[in-house]
Structure formats: structure tokens, C-alpha cells
Amino acid sequence: MGKKLVVTKRAPDAVGPYSQAVKIDNLIFTSGQIPIITETGKVYSGDIKKQTEIVLNNLKALIEDAGGSLEDAIKINVYVKDIEDYGKINEVYERYFKKSKPARSLFQVAGLPKDVSIEIDAIVYLKKS
């Protein structure tokens, strides 16, 4: 099938020289999503729970427009500025991954694009291409 770049208006545009996601055969590799409100293009920098919700909604829209769903995710990477937000992030995260529990890593990092507090990316396996 080959490599296909995924572009959607339902998730924020890339903030640099990269694709929102790349689809290869039955796999989708997303770029990291940060708490940008898609409709306005503005970064939300308030409550970490709301930031997590915005990020996961953006990720969900991106994956759906690539032909998958969050239930198809096999690996999630979460990057945070403050590891103390772990519990609050999990409260929101588990609402999005009720049945499917993809493998996940969560890292505290020194900084993120646009000085946000959270970024999430995913690898998704589609049952059919």
C-alpha cells in the first residue's frame, strides 16, 4: 500500500515541518498532539484535566480521519512537564480507553512545544486497511 500522509481539519495543524500522522498499510503513527483548541488554533494552558481532554479529543479525531479509532491504539506515549499530574491525567485517560488498554509510557520532560504541560502520540493498528 505504501506511505500516506494523514491530513485533517478536525485536529490542529502541525506546528512544525511534519505530518499530523502517517499511515503505512495497517498502521497509523500520529505526531504528538498538544492542547490546541482546533476551532481557534489557540493553546489551552489551564487545568491539566482539561488539557488532557483536549489532547485526547484531537488525537481521537486524527485517528478517526485516518480510518481508525482509539480502540485500535496499540501504543500510547504521554509526555508531561510535571509527573505530579499523573493521577489527574489518568482520571481523564481512562474515560477514553475503557475497553482497549493499549501499552503506554508516561515521561516527565523538561519542556514541550508552545510551553504546554502535556503531549500525547499514538501507534494504531487497523484490523483492515
N, C-alpha and C. Protein backbone atom coordinates (compact mmCIF):
# COMPACT_ATOMS: atom_id res chain seq x y z
N MET A 1 0.83 -1.20 0.00
CA MET A 1 0.00 0.00 0.00
C MET A 1 0.87 1.25 0.00
N GLY A 2 1.93 1.27 0.77
CA GLY A 2 2.79 2.44 0.80
C GLY A 2 2.42 3.44 1.87
N LYS A 3 3.18 4.50 1.89
CA LYS A 3 3.04 5.55 2.90
C LYS A 3 2.05 6.60 2.44
N LYS A 4 1.14 6.97 3.36
CA LYS A 4 0.16 8.02 3.07
C LYS A 4 0.18 9.02 4.22
N LEU A 5 0.29 10.29 3.89
CA LEU A 5 0.23 11.33 4.91
C LEU A 5 -1.23 11.58 5.27
N VAL A 6 -1.50 11.70 6.56
CA VAL A 6 -2.85 11.94 7.04
C VAL A 6 -2.99 13.42 7.34
N VAL A 7 -4.01 14.03 6.77
CA VAL A 7 -4.29 15.45 6.99
C VAL A 7 -5.77 15.58 7.34
N THR A 8 -6.06 16.30 8.41
CA THR A 8 -7.45 16.53 8.80
C THR A 8 -7.60 17.93 9.36
N LYS A 9 -8.76 18.49 9.18
CA LYS A 9 -9.09 19.78 9.77
C LYS A 9 -9.75 19.60 11.14
N ARG A 10 -10.02 18.35 11.53
CA ARG A 10 -10.65 18.07 12.82
C ARG A 10 -9.65 18.05 13.98
N ALA A 11 -8.38 18.16 13.64
CA ALA A 11 -7.32 18.25 14.65
C ALA A 11 -6.42 19.41 14.25
N PRO A 12 -5.68 19.97 15.21
CA PRO A 12 -4.83 21.12 14.88
C PRO A 12 -3.79 20.79 13.81
N ASP A 13 -3.46 21.80 13.02
CA ASP A 13 -2.38 21.66 12.05
C ASP A 13 -1.08 21.40 12.80
N ALA A 14 -0.14 20.75 12.13
CA ALA A 14 1.18 20.55 12.72
C ALA A 14 1.81 21.92 12.99
N VAL A 15 2.54 22.02 14.10
CA VAL A 15 3.17 23.30 14.46
C VAL A 15 4.61 23.36 13.97
N GLY A 16 4.98 22.44 13.11
CA GLY A 16 6.33 22.40 12.56
C GLY A 16 6.34 21.66 11.23
N PRO A 17 7.53 21.34 10.72
CA PRO A 17 7.66 20.69 9.42
C PRO A 17 7.48 19.17 9.50
N TYR A 18 6.29 18.74 9.86
CA TYR A 18 5.98 17.31 9.97
C TYR A 18 4.50 17.10 9.68
N SER A 19 4.09 15.84 9.54
CA SER A 19 2.71 15.48 9.24
C SER A 19 1.92 15.27 10.53
N GLN A 20 0.62 15.46 10.45
CA GLN A 20 -0.23 15.16 11.59
C GLN A 20 -0.13 13.68 11.94
N ALA A 21 -0.10 12.85 10.91
CA ALA A 21 0.05 11.40 11.09
C ALA A 21 0.50 10.80 9.77
N VAL A 22 1.00 9.59 9.85
CA VAL A 22 1.41 8.83 8.67
C VAL A 22 0.77 7.46 8.78
N LYS A 23 0.18 7.02 7.67
CA LYS A 23 -0.44 5.69 7.61
C LYS A 23 0.38 4.83 6.66
N ILE A 24 0.78 3.67 7.15
CA ILE A 24 1.50 2.69 6.34
C ILE A 24 0.80 1.36 6.53
N ASP A 25 0.23 0.85 5.44
CA ASP A 25 -0.53 -0.41 5.49
C ASP A 25 -1.57 -0.33 6.61
N ASN A 26 -1.46 -1.21 7.61
CA ASN A 26 -2.46 -1.25 8.68
C ASN A 26 -2.03 -0.46 9.92
N LEU A 27 -1.02 0.37 9.80
CA LEU A 27 -0.52 1.13 10.94
C LEU A 27 -0.69 2.63 10.74
N ILE A 28 -1.05 3.31 11.81
CA ILE A 28 -1.09 4.77 11.85
C ILE A 28 -0.13 5.21 12.94
N PHE A 29 0.76 6.14 12.59
CA PHE A 29 1.68 6.73 13.54
C PHE A 29 1.31 8.21 13.64
N THR A 30 0.84 8.64 14.80
CA THR A 30 0.46 10.05 14.94
C THR A 30 1.63 10.86 15.45
N SER A 31 1.64 12.12 15.08
CA SER A 31 2.55 13.06 15.72
C SER A 31 1.95 13.42 17.06
N GLY A 32 2.76 13.97 17.93
CA GLY A 32 2.28 14.35 19.24
C GLY A 32 1.21 15.43 19.14
N GLN A 33 0.16 15.26 19.92
CA GLN A 33 -0.91 16.23 19.99
C GLN A 33 -0.77 17.00 21.30
N ILE A 34 -0.93 18.31 21.20
CA ILE A 34 -0.87 19.18 22.38
C ILE A 34 -2.23 19.87 22.53
N PRO A 35 -2.48 20.51 23.67
CA PRO A 35 -3.80 21.08 23.92
C PRO A 35 -4.07 22.36 23.13
N ILE A 36 -4.18 22.21 21.82
CA ILE A 36 -4.59 23.30 20.96
C ILE A 36 -6.07 23.12 20.64
N ILE A 37 -6.83 24.16 20.83
CA ILE A 37 -8.25 24.11 20.50
C ILE A 37 -8.37 24.22 18.99
N THR A 38 -8.83 23.17 18.36
CA THR A 38 -8.84 23.07 16.90
C THR A 38 -9.56 24.24 16.24
N GLU A 39 -10.69 24.62 16.78
CA GLU A 39 -11.51 25.65 16.15
C GLU A 39 -10.85 27.03 16.15
N THR A 40 -10.04 27.30 17.16
CA THR A 40 -9.43 28.63 17.28
C THR A 40 -7.93 28.63 17.00
N GLY A 41 -7.31 27.46 17.10
CA GLY A 41 -5.86 27.39 16.94
C GLY A 41 -5.10 27.89 18.15
N LYS A 42 -5.80 28.16 19.24
CA LYS A 42 -5.17 28.68 20.45
C LYS A 42 -4.84 27.56 21.43
N VAL A 43 -3.74 27.73 22.13
CA VAL A 43 -3.32 26.76 23.14
C VAL A 43 -4.13 26.98 24.41
N TYR A 44 -4.63 25.89 24.99
CA TYR A 44 -5.28 25.95 26.29
C TYR A 44 -4.22 25.61 27.33
N SER A 45 -4.02 26.49 28.30
CA SER A 45 -2.95 26.28 29.27
C SER A 45 -3.45 26.18 30.71
N GLY A 46 -4.74 25.96 30.89
CA GLY A 46 -5.29 25.88 32.24
C GLY A 46 -5.17 24.49 32.84
N ASP A 47 -6.20 24.06 33.49
CA ASP A 47 -6.29 22.80 34.22
C ASP A 47 -5.76 21.61 33.41
N ILE A 48 -4.93 20.77 34.02
CA ILE A 48 -4.32 19.63 33.32
C ILE A 48 -5.38 18.62 32.87
N LYS A 49 -6.47 18.48 33.60
CA LYS A 49 -7.53 17.57 33.17
C LYS A 49 -8.14 18.05 31.85
N LYS A 50 -8.40 19.34 31.76
CA LYS A 50 -8.96 19.91 30.53
C LYS A 50 -7.94 19.81 29.40
N GLN A 51 -6.67 20.06 29.69
CA GLN A 51 -5.63 19.92 28.67
C GLN A 51 -5.61 18.49 28.14
N THR A 52 -5.68 17.51 29.04
CA THR A 52 -5.66 16.11 28.64
C THR A 52 -6.86 15.78 27.77
N GLU A 53 -8.01 16.29 28.14
CA GLU A 53 -9.24 16.07 27.36
C GLU A 53 -9.10 16.64 25.95
N ILE A 54 -8.59 17.85 25.83
CA ILE A 54 -8.39 18.48 24.52
C ILE A 54 -7.43 17.65 23.67
N VAL A 55 -6.32 17.23 24.28
CA VAL A 55 -5.32 16.43 23.56
C VAL A 55 -5.94 15.12 23.07
N LEU A 56 -6.66 14.43 23.95
CA LEU A 56 -7.24 13.14 23.56
C LEU A 56 -8.35 13.31 22.51
N ASN A 57 -9.11 14.39 22.58
CA ASN A 57 -10.11 14.65 21.54
C ASN A 57 -9.43 14.92 20.20
N ASN A 58 -8.33 15.66 20.21
CA ASN A 58 -7.59 15.91 18.98
C ASN A 58 -7.02 14.61 18.42
N LEU A 59 -6.46 13.79 19.30
CA LEU A 59 -5.90 12.51 18.88
C LEU A 59 -6.99 11.61 18.31
N LYS A 60 -8.13 11.58 18.97
CA LYS A 60 -9.27 10.77 18.52
C LYS A 60 -9.72 11.20 17.12
N ALA A 61 -9.86 12.49 16.90
CA ALA A 61 -10.28 12.99 15.58
C ALA A 61 -9.27 12.64 14.51
N LEU A 62 -8.01 12.79 14.82
CA LEU A 62 -6.95 12.48 13.87
C LEU A 62 -6.97 11.00 13.49
N ILE A 63 -7.07 10.14 14.49
CA ILE A 63 -7.10 8.69 14.23
C ILE A 63 -8.35 8.30 13.46
N GLU A 64 -9.48 8.88 13.81
CA GLU A 64 -10.72 8.57 13.08
C GLU A 64 -10.62 8.98 11.62
N ASP A 65 -10.07 10.14 11.35
CA ASP A 65 -9.95 10.60 9.97
C ASP A 65 -8.91 9.79 9.19
N ALA A 66 -8.07 9.05 9.88
CA ALA A 66 -7.10 8.16 9.23
C ALA A 66 -7.70 6.76 9.04
N GLY A 67 -8.93 6.56 9.53
CA GLY A 67 -9.62 5.28 9.32
C GLY A 67 -9.65 4.36 10.53
N GLY A 68 -9.25 4.85 11.70
CA GLY A 68 -9.23 4.01 12.89
C GLY A 68 -10.05 4.59 14.02
N SER A 69 -9.81 4.07 15.21
CA SER A 69 -10.46 4.57 16.42
C SER A 69 -9.47 4.42 17.58
N LEU A 70 -9.76 5.08 18.67
CA LEU A 70 -8.90 4.95 19.85
C LEU A 70 -8.82 3.50 20.31
N GLU A 71 -9.88 2.73 20.08
CA GLU A 71 -9.89 1.31 20.45
C GLU A 71 -8.84 0.51 19.68
N ASP A 72 -8.39 1.04 18.55
CA ASP A 72 -7.38 0.36 17.73
C ASP A 72 -5.96 0.69 18.17
N ALA A 73 -5.80 1.62 19.11
CA ALA A 73 -4.46 2.04 19.56
C ALA A 73 -3.74 0.86 20.22
N ILE A 74 -2.46 0.69 19.87
CA ILE A 74 -1.67 -0.37 20.50
C ILE A 74 -0.57 0.19 21.40
N LYS A 75 -0.18 1.45 21.18
CA LYS A 75 0.87 2.08 22.00
C LYS A 75 0.61 3.57 22.10
N ILE A 76 0.66 4.06 23.32
CA ILE A 76 0.48 5.49 23.60
C ILE A 76 1.71 5.99 24.34
N ASN A 77 2.19 7.15 23.95
CA ASN A 77 3.25 7.84 24.68
C ASN A 77 2.69 9.15 25.20
N VAL A 78 2.89 9.40 26.48
CA VAL A 78 2.42 10.62 27.12
C VAL A 78 3.65 11.34 27.68
N TYR A 79 3.76 12.62 27.36
CA TYR A 79 4.87 13.45 27.82
C TYR A 79 4.28 14.58 28.67
N VAL A 80 4.80 14.75 29.88
CA VAL A 80 4.26 15.76 30.79
C VAL A 80 5.40 16.59 31.39
N LYS A 81 5.07 17.82 31.74
CA LYS A 81 6.06 18.68 32.40
C LYS A 81 6.16 18.37 33.89
N ASP A 82 5.06 17.87 34.48
CA ASP A 82 5.03 17.64 35.92
C ASP A 82 4.47 16.25 36.20
N ILE A 83 5.31 15.35 36.68
CA ILE A 83 4.89 13.98 36.97
C ILE A 83 3.81 13.94 38.06
N GLU A 84 3.70 14.99 38.84
CA GLU A 84 2.66 15.06 39.88
C GLU A 84 1.26 15.10 39.27
N ASP A 85 1.15 15.38 37.97
CA ASP A 85 -0.14 15.39 37.28
C ASP A 85 -0.60 13.99 36.87
N TYR A 86 0.21 12.98 37.14
CA TYR A 86 -0.05 11.60 36.72
C TYR A 86 -1.48 11.14 37.05
N GLY A 87 -1.91 11.30 38.29
CA GLY A 87 -3.24 10.85 38.71
C GLY A 87 -4.36 11.59 37.99
N LYS A 88 -4.22 12.89 37.84
CA LYS A 88 -5.24 13.69 37.16
C LYS A 88 -5.34 13.30 35.68
N ILE A 89 -4.19 13.07 35.07
CA ILE A 89 -4.18 12.65 33.66
C ILE A 89 -4.87 11.30 33.52
N ASN A 90 -4.58 10.37 34.43
CA ASN A 90 -5.20 9.05 34.37
C ASN A 90 -6.72 9.11 34.53
N GLU A 91 -7.21 10.03 35.35
CA GLU A 91 -8.66 10.18 35.51
C GLU A 91 -9.34 10.44 34.18
N VAL A 92 -8.74 11.29 33.36
CA VAL A 92 -9.30 11.61 32.04
C VAL A 92 -8.99 10.48 31.06
N TYR A 93 -7.77 10.02 31.06
CA TYR A 93 -7.30 8.99 30.11
C TYR A 93 -8.19 7.75 30.13
N GLU A 94 -8.54 7.28 31.32
CA GLU A 94 -9.31 6.04 31.40
C GLU A 94 -10.72 6.18 30.83
N ARG A 95 -11.24 7.38 30.71
CA ARG A 95 -12.55 7.57 30.06
C ARG A 95 -12.46 7.31 28.55
N TYR A 96 -11.29 7.50 27.97
CA TYR A 96 -11.09 7.33 26.54
C TYR A 96 -10.67 5.91 26.17
N PHE A 97 -10.15 5.17 27.12
CA PHE A 97 -9.67 3.82 26.86
C PHE A 97 -10.33 2.85 27.84
N LYS A 98 -11.66 2.72 27.76
CA LYS A 98 -12.41 1.88 28.70
C LYS A 98 -12.18 0.40 28.44
N LYS A 99 -12.36 -0.03 27.20
CA LYS A 99 -12.22 -1.46 26.86
C LYS A 99 -10.80 -1.79 26.44
N SER A 100 -10.29 -1.01 25.53
CA SER A 100 -8.95 -1.26 24.99
C SER A 100 -7.92 -0.59 25.89
N LYS A 101 -6.98 -1.33 26.34
CA LYS A 101 -5.92 -0.80 27.20
C LYS A 101 -4.59 -0.93 26.44
N PRO A 102 -4.28 0.07 25.59
CA PRO A 102 -3.02 -0.02 24.85
C PRO A 102 -1.82 0.07 25.79
N ALA A 103 -0.70 -0.44 25.33
CA ALA A 103 0.54 -0.24 26.08
C ALA A 103 0.77 1.28 26.18
N ARG A 104 1.37 1.72 27.27
CA ARG A 104 1.55 3.16 27.45
C ARG A 104 2.82 3.45 28.22
N SER A 105 3.47 4.51 27.83
CA SER A 105 4.58 5.07 28.60
C SER A 105 4.22 6.51 28.93
N LEU A 106 4.63 6.96 30.10
CA LEU A 106 4.43 8.35 30.50
C LEU A 106 5.75 8.87 31.02
N PHE A 107 6.21 9.97 30.44
CA PHE A 107 7.51 10.53 30.77
C PHE A 107 7.37 11.97 31.25
N GLN A 108 8.11 12.34 32.27
CA GLN A 108 8.26 13.75 32.61
C GLN A 108 9.40 14.29 31.75
N VAL A 109 9.15 15.43 31.11
CA VAL A 109 10.14 16.02 30.22
C VAL A 109 10.43 17.46 30.65
N ALA A 110 11.54 17.99 30.18
CA ALA A 110 11.95 19.35 30.56
C ALA A 110 11.11 20.43 29.90
N GLY A 111 10.59 20.15 28.71
CA GLY A 111 9.79 21.14 28.01
C GLY A 111 9.04 20.52 26.85
N LEU A 112 7.98 21.19 26.45
CA LEU A 112 7.16 20.73 25.33
C LEU A 112 6.87 21.91 24.41
N PRO A 113 6.48 21.64 23.15
CA PRO A 113 6.18 22.74 22.22
C PRO A 113 5.13 23.70 22.79
N LYS A 114 5.33 24.97 22.51
CA LYS A 114 4.42 26.04 22.94
C LYS A 114 4.25 26.09 24.45
N ASP A 115 5.22 25.52 25.18
CA ASP A 115 5.23 25.53 26.63
C ASP A 115 3.98 24.90 27.26
N VAL A 116 3.41 23.88 26.59
CA VAL A 116 2.24 23.18 27.14
C VAL A 116 2.68 22.21 28.23
N SER A 117 1.72 21.65 28.93
CA SER A 117 2.02 20.73 30.03
C SER A 117 1.91 19.26 29.65
N ILE A 118 1.32 18.97 28.48
CA ILE A 118 1.12 17.58 28.08
C ILE A 118 1.15 17.44 26.56
N GLU A 119 1.67 16.32 26.10
CA GLU A 119 1.66 15.94 24.68
C GLU A 119 1.46 14.43 24.63
N ILE A 120 0.64 13.97 23.67
CA ILE A 120 0.36 12.53 23.54
C ILE A 120 0.44 12.14 22.08
N ASP A 121 1.11 11.00 21.81
CA ASP A 121 1.10 10.43 20.47
C ASP A 121 0.67 8.97 20.56
N ALA A 122 0.38 8.38 19.39
CA ALA A 122 -0.14 7.01 19.37
C ALA A 122 0.35 6.24 18.16
N ILE A 123 0.39 4.93 18.33
CA ILE A 123 0.53 3.99 17.22
C ILE A 123 -0.75 3.17 17.21
N VAL A 124 -1.34 3.07 16.05
CA VAL A 124 -2.64 2.42 15.90
C VAL A 124 -2.53 1.30 14.89
N TYR A 125 -3.12 0.14 15.19
CA TYR A 125 -3.17 -0.98 14.27
C TYR A 125 -4.60 -1.16 13.79
N LEU A 126 -4.78 -1.05 12.48
CA LEU A 126 -6.11 -1.22 11.88
C LEU A 126 -6.32 -2.69 11.52
N LYS A 127 -7.47 -3.21 11.84
CA LYS A 127 -7.77 -4.60 11.55
C LYS A 127 -7.84 -4.85 10.04
N LYS A 128 -8.23 -3.82 9.30
CA LYS A 128 -8.26 -3.89 7.84
C LYS A 128 -7.74 -2.58 7.29
N SER A 129 -7.08 -2.61 6.15
CA SER A 129 -6.51 -1.37 5.62
C SER A 129 -7.38 -0.75 4.55
